[in-house]
């Protein structure tokens, strides 16, 4: 097993360097061991501020970018949150620390299984993990106070818009996959209103009925 170098405080410094100021979020990063949410062979790199591959053509979101997205939701601890794209559960764990509860949906069963094991091992209880098409949201658990989408598409999928509570927020990378603007929106009476552009970034494509056509090779099985 690779020896873990660094510690969560290294990520806290990286987050402060990009302007993250939410002390509750910084404490969540401080208390959540990223090394427990990445493949064991990459544990030595867990506390570097960079994305890491997790298999099936997927990568983790860079921690500072994930933190910027979470901070834009202005969570105060009372929210019912939807996360589209669970990955291996690190961002999920941060959201669970900051919100009342999190519903997270992952399209790849094998990755979802690993995420569930990671979250359970860390004692994260206020998360409901689903396997399915994230572009369809989770209608039976709506409405949500906040939605975070961890993959790119040029539009916000219509089901996600419909499942946000009035005045709720959604953050999503907007683009074709690989060249995005990460945008935070607010739900208004007439739909979504852009609140601000957070940063430029590169994300994997959002696949599903209301996104890009699924790559069945990546999505299949364990």
Protein backbone atom coordinates (compact mmCIF):
# COMPACT_ATOMS: atom_id res chain seq x y z
CA UNK A 1 0.00 0.00 0.00
CA UNK A 2 1.26 3.46 -0.88
CA UNK A 3 2.11 5.69 2.04
CA UNK A 4 -0.21 8.68 2.27
CA UNK A 5 1.73 11.92 2.03
CA UNK A 6 0.15 15.13 3.21
CA UNK A 7 -2.99 15.65 5.24
CA UNK A 8 -6.38 17.36 5.00
CA UNK A 9 -4.88 20.65 6.19
CA UNK A 10 -2.96 20.78 2.90
CA UNK A 11 -6.28 20.87 1.06
CA UNK A 12 -7.59 23.55 3.41
CA UNK A 13 -4.64 25.74 2.42
CA UNK A 14 -5.32 25.07 -1.27
CA UNK A 15 -8.97 26.03 -0.82
CA UNK A 16 -8.07 29.27 0.94
CA UNK A 17 -5.67 30.05 -1.90
CA UNK A 18 -8.50 30.00 -4.46
CA UNK A 19 -10.72 32.18 -2.28
CA UNK A 20 -12.89 29.68 -0.37
CA UNK A 21 -13.89 31.37 2.89
CA UNK A 22 -16.79 29.30 4.29
CA UNK A 23 -15.40 28.11 7.63
CA UNK A 24 -17.92 25.28 7.91
CA UNK A 25 -16.77 23.99 4.53
CA UNK A 26 -13.11 24.31 5.48
CA UNK A 27 -13.80 22.36 8.66
CA UNK A 28 -15.58 19.68 6.64
CA UNK A 29 -12.49 19.33 4.46
CA UNK A 30 -10.29 19.26 7.55
CA UNK A 31 -12.36 16.44 9.09
CA UNK A 32 -12.95 14.32 5.96
CA UNK A 33 -10.02 12.07 4.97
CA UNK A 34 -9.85 12.23 1.16
CA UNK A 35 -7.41 9.30 1.25
CA UNK A 36 -10.38 7.11 2.21
CA UNK A 37 -12.32 8.17 -0.91
CA UNK A 38 -9.75 7.53 -3.66
CA UNK A 39 -8.39 4.26 -5.08
CA UNK A 40 -5.86 2.75 -2.69
CA UNK A 41 -3.10 2.96 -5.29
CA UNK A 42 -3.57 6.74 -5.42
CA UNK A 43 -3.81 7.38 -1.69
CA UNK A 44 -0.35 8.98 -1.66
CA UNK A 45 -1.76 11.77 -3.86
CA UNK A 46 -5.01 12.25 -1.94
CA UNK A 47 -4.06 15.57 -0.33
CA UNK A 48 -2.81 17.19 -3.50
CA UNK A 49 -5.26 19.61 -5.06
CA UNK A 50 -5.78 17.68 -8.26
CA UNK A 51 -8.32 15.31 -9.84
CA UNK A 52 -7.59 11.59 -9.64
CA UNK A 53 -8.80 8.76 -11.91
CA UNK A 54 -11.34 6.39 -10.37
CA UNK A 55 -11.93 3.97 -13.25
CA UNK A 56 -14.47 3.63 -16.07
CA UNK A 57 -13.19 6.81 -17.68
CA UNK A 58 -14.11 8.91 -14.65
CA UNK A 59 -12.07 11.22 -12.42
CA UNK A 60 -12.66 12.94 -9.12
CA UNK A 61 -13.39 16.64 -9.13
CA UNK A 62 -10.36 18.71 -8.10
CA UNK A 63 -10.91 19.48 -4.39
CA UNK A 64 -10.64 23.26 -4.73
CA UNK A 65 -13.10 23.24 -7.62
CA UNK A 66 -15.51 21.02 -5.71
CA UNK A 67 -15.26 23.39 -2.75
CA UNK A 68 -15.99 26.42 -4.93
CA UNK A 69 -19.11 24.69 -6.25
CA UNK A 70 -20.29 23.73 -2.78
CA UNK A 71 -19.61 27.19 -1.37
CA UNK A 72 -21.77 28.76 -4.09
CA UNK A 73 -24.79 26.91 -2.69
CA UNK A 74 -24.57 28.86 0.61
CA UNK A 75 -25.54 25.85 2.72
CA UNK A 76 -26.48 26.57 6.33
CA UNK A 77 -27.14 23.01 7.54
CA UNK A 78 -30.90 22.87 6.94
CA UNK A 79 -30.90 21.91 3.26
CA UNK A 80 -32.14 18.87 1.37
CA UNK A 81 -29.51 18.46 -1.36
CA UNK A 82 -29.32 16.53 -4.62
CA UNK A 83 -25.91 15.53 -5.97
CA UNK A 84 -25.70 14.31 -9.56
CA UNK A 85 -22.56 12.21 -9.92
CA UNK A 86 -21.46 10.51 -6.71
CA UNK A 87 -18.04 9.39 -7.82
CA UNK A 88 -16.33 7.68 -4.89
CA UNK A 89 -18.19 9.79 -2.34
CA UNK A 90 -15.75 12.47 -1.19
CA UNK A 91 -17.83 15.44 -2.33
CA UNK A 92 -20.90 13.60 -1.03
CA UNK A 93 -19.31 13.41 2.41
CA UNK A 94 -18.58 17.15 2.38
CA UNK A 95 -22.17 17.91 1.40
CA UNK A 96 -23.44 15.60 4.14
CA UNK A 97 -21.36 17.52 6.69
CA UNK A 98 -22.85 20.84 5.55
CA UNK A 99 -26.51 19.98 4.82
CA UNK A 100 -29.37 18.23 6.61
CA UNK A 101 -29.35 15.35 4.14
CA UNK A 102 -28.10 14.43 0.68
CA UNK A 103 -29.62 12.35 -2.10
CA UNK A 104 -26.85 11.36 -4.50
CA UNK A 105 -27.23 9.53 -7.79
CA UNK A 106 -24.53 7.74 -9.76
CA UNK A 107 -25.00 6.08 -13.14
CA UNK A 108 -22.22 3.48 -12.79
CA UNK A 109 -23.12 0.64 -10.39
CA UNK A 110 -19.55 -0.36 -9.60
CA UNK A 111 -18.52 3.17 -8.70
CA UNK A 112 -21.71 3.64 -6.68
CA UNK A 113 -20.97 0.47 -4.72
CA UNK A 114 -17.49 1.73 -3.83
CA UNK A 115 -18.90 5.10 -2.82
CA UNK A 116 -21.43 3.45 -0.54
CA UNK A 117 -18.69 1.44 1.14
CA UNK A 118 -16.52 4.54 1.57
CA UNK A 119 -19.34 6.57 3.10
CA UNK A 120 -20.36 3.74 5.44
CA UNK A 121 -16.77 3.25 6.58
CA UNK A 122 -16.62 6.93 7.56
CA UNK A 123 -19.94 6.76 9.40
CA UNK A 124 -21.77 9.13 7.05
CA UNK A 125 -25.45 8.49 7.80
CA UNK A 126 -27.46 11.30 6.20
CA UNK A 127 -26.94 10.20 2.59
CA UNK A 128 -29.28 8.25 0.32
CA UNK A 129 -27.35 6.73 -2.58
CA UNK A 130 -29.19 5.85 -5.79
CA UNK A 131 -27.98 4.18 -8.99
CA UNK A 132 -29.58 5.63 -12.09
CA UNK A 133 -29.74 8.40 -14.66
CA UNK A 134 -28.74 11.58 -12.88
CA UNK A 135 -30.12 13.78 -15.66
CA UNK A 136 -33.60 12.68 -14.55
CA UNK A 137 -32.97 13.75 -10.97
CA UNK A 138 -34.77 11.94 -8.15
CA UNK A 139 -38.39 13.03 -8.50
CA UNK A 140 -39.72 11.04 -5.54
CA UNK A 141 -37.38 12.95 -3.18
CA UNK A 142 -37.97 16.42 -4.66
CA UNK A 143 -38.10 19.33 -4.17
CA UNK A 144 -34.48 20.06 -3.32
CA UNK A 145 -33.03 23.19 -1.76
CA UNK A 146 -29.78 22.79 -3.66
CA UNK A 147 -28.44 20.71 -6.55
CA UNK A 148 -24.82 20.13 -7.53
CA UNK A 149 -24.06 18.54 -10.90
CA UNK A 150 -20.57 17.08 -11.24
CA UNK A 151 -20.48 16.61 -15.03
CA UNK A 152 -20.81 18.91 -18.02
CA UNK A 153 -23.66 19.63 -20.44
CA UNK A 154 -24.52 22.81 -22.37
CA UNK A 155 -27.92 23.08 -20.66
CA UNK A 156 -29.34 22.28 -17.24
CA UNK A 157 -31.50 19.15 -17.66
CA UNK A 158 -35.19 20.07 -17.46
CA UNK A 159 -36.00 17.51 -14.71
CA UNK A 160 -33.38 19.08 -12.45
CA UNK A 161 -34.87 22.53 -12.95
CA UNK A 162 -38.30 21.18 -12.07
CA UNK A 163 -37.02 19.53 -8.89
CA UNK A 164 -35.46 22.65 -7.35
CA UNK A 165 -37.47 24.48 -4.71
CA UNK A 166 -38.23 28.15 -5.46
CA UNK A 167 -35.20 30.24 -4.44
CA UNK A 168 -33.11 27.05 -4.43
CA UNK A 169 -29.69 26.94 -6.08
CA UNK A 170 -28.06 24.74 -8.68
CA UNK A 171 -24.41 24.64 -9.73
CA UNK A 172 -23.29 22.91 -12.91
CA UNK A 173 -20.40 23.01 -15.39
CA UNK A 174 -21.93 24.33 -18.63
CA UNK A 175 -20.27 23.12 -21.80
CA UNK A 176 -19.48 20.14 -24.05
CA UNK A 177 -17.17 18.28 -21.65
CA UNK A 178 -13.54 19.33 -21.36
CA UNK A 179 -14.08 23.08 -21.68
CA UNK A 180 -16.67 24.53 -19.28
CA UNK A 181 -17.84 27.51 -17.33
CA UNK A 182 -19.03 26.48 -13.88
CA UNK A 183 -22.22 28.42 -13.23
CA UNK A 184 -24.41 28.89 -10.17
CA UNK A 185 -28.13 29.45 -10.78
CA UNK A 186 -31.10 30.42 -8.62
CA UNK A 187 -34.60 29.02 -9.22
CA UNK A 188 -37.12 31.80 -9.83
CA UNK A 189 -40.80 31.80 -10.77
CA UNK A 190 -39.85 31.81 -14.44
CA UNK A 191 -37.12 29.17 -14.26
CA UNK A 192 -33.38 29.33 -13.62
CA UNK A 193 -31.61 32.65 -13.35
CA UNK A 194 -27.83 32.76 -13.62
CA UNK A 195 -26.33 34.03 -10.40
CA UNK A 196 -22.64 34.00 -11.27
CA UNK A 197 -19.89 32.21 -13.16
CA UNK A 198 -17.50 30.59 -10.68
CA UNK A 199 -14.59 29.57 -12.89
CA UNK A 200 -13.49 27.87 -16.09
CA UNK A 201 -12.89 24.13 -15.74
CA UNK A 202 -12.70 20.77 -17.48
CA UNK A 203 -15.28 18.09 -16.60
CA UNK A 204 -16.37 14.73 -17.94
CA UNK A 205 -19.61 14.72 -19.93
CA UNK A 206 -23.01 14.43 -18.25
CA UNK A 207 -24.56 11.31 -19.75
CA UNK A 208 -28.20 10.29 -19.69
CA UNK A 209 -31.61 10.84 -21.20
CA UNK A 210 -31.35 14.63 -20.78
CA UNK A 211 -27.61 14.82 -21.38
CA UNK A 212 -25.15 13.25 -23.77
CA UNK A 213 -25.86 9.71 -25.05
CA UNK A 214 -24.62 7.18 -22.50
CA UNK A 215 -21.41 5.32 -23.13
CA UNK A 216 -22.66 1.85 -22.26
CA UNK A 217 -19.15 0.49 -21.93
CA UNK A 218 -18.32 2.91 -19.13
CA UNK A 219 -21.74 2.66 -17.51
CA UNK A 220 -22.04 -1.09 -17.43
CA UNK A 221 -21.73 -3.35 -14.45
CA UNK A 222 -19.09 -3.51 -11.79
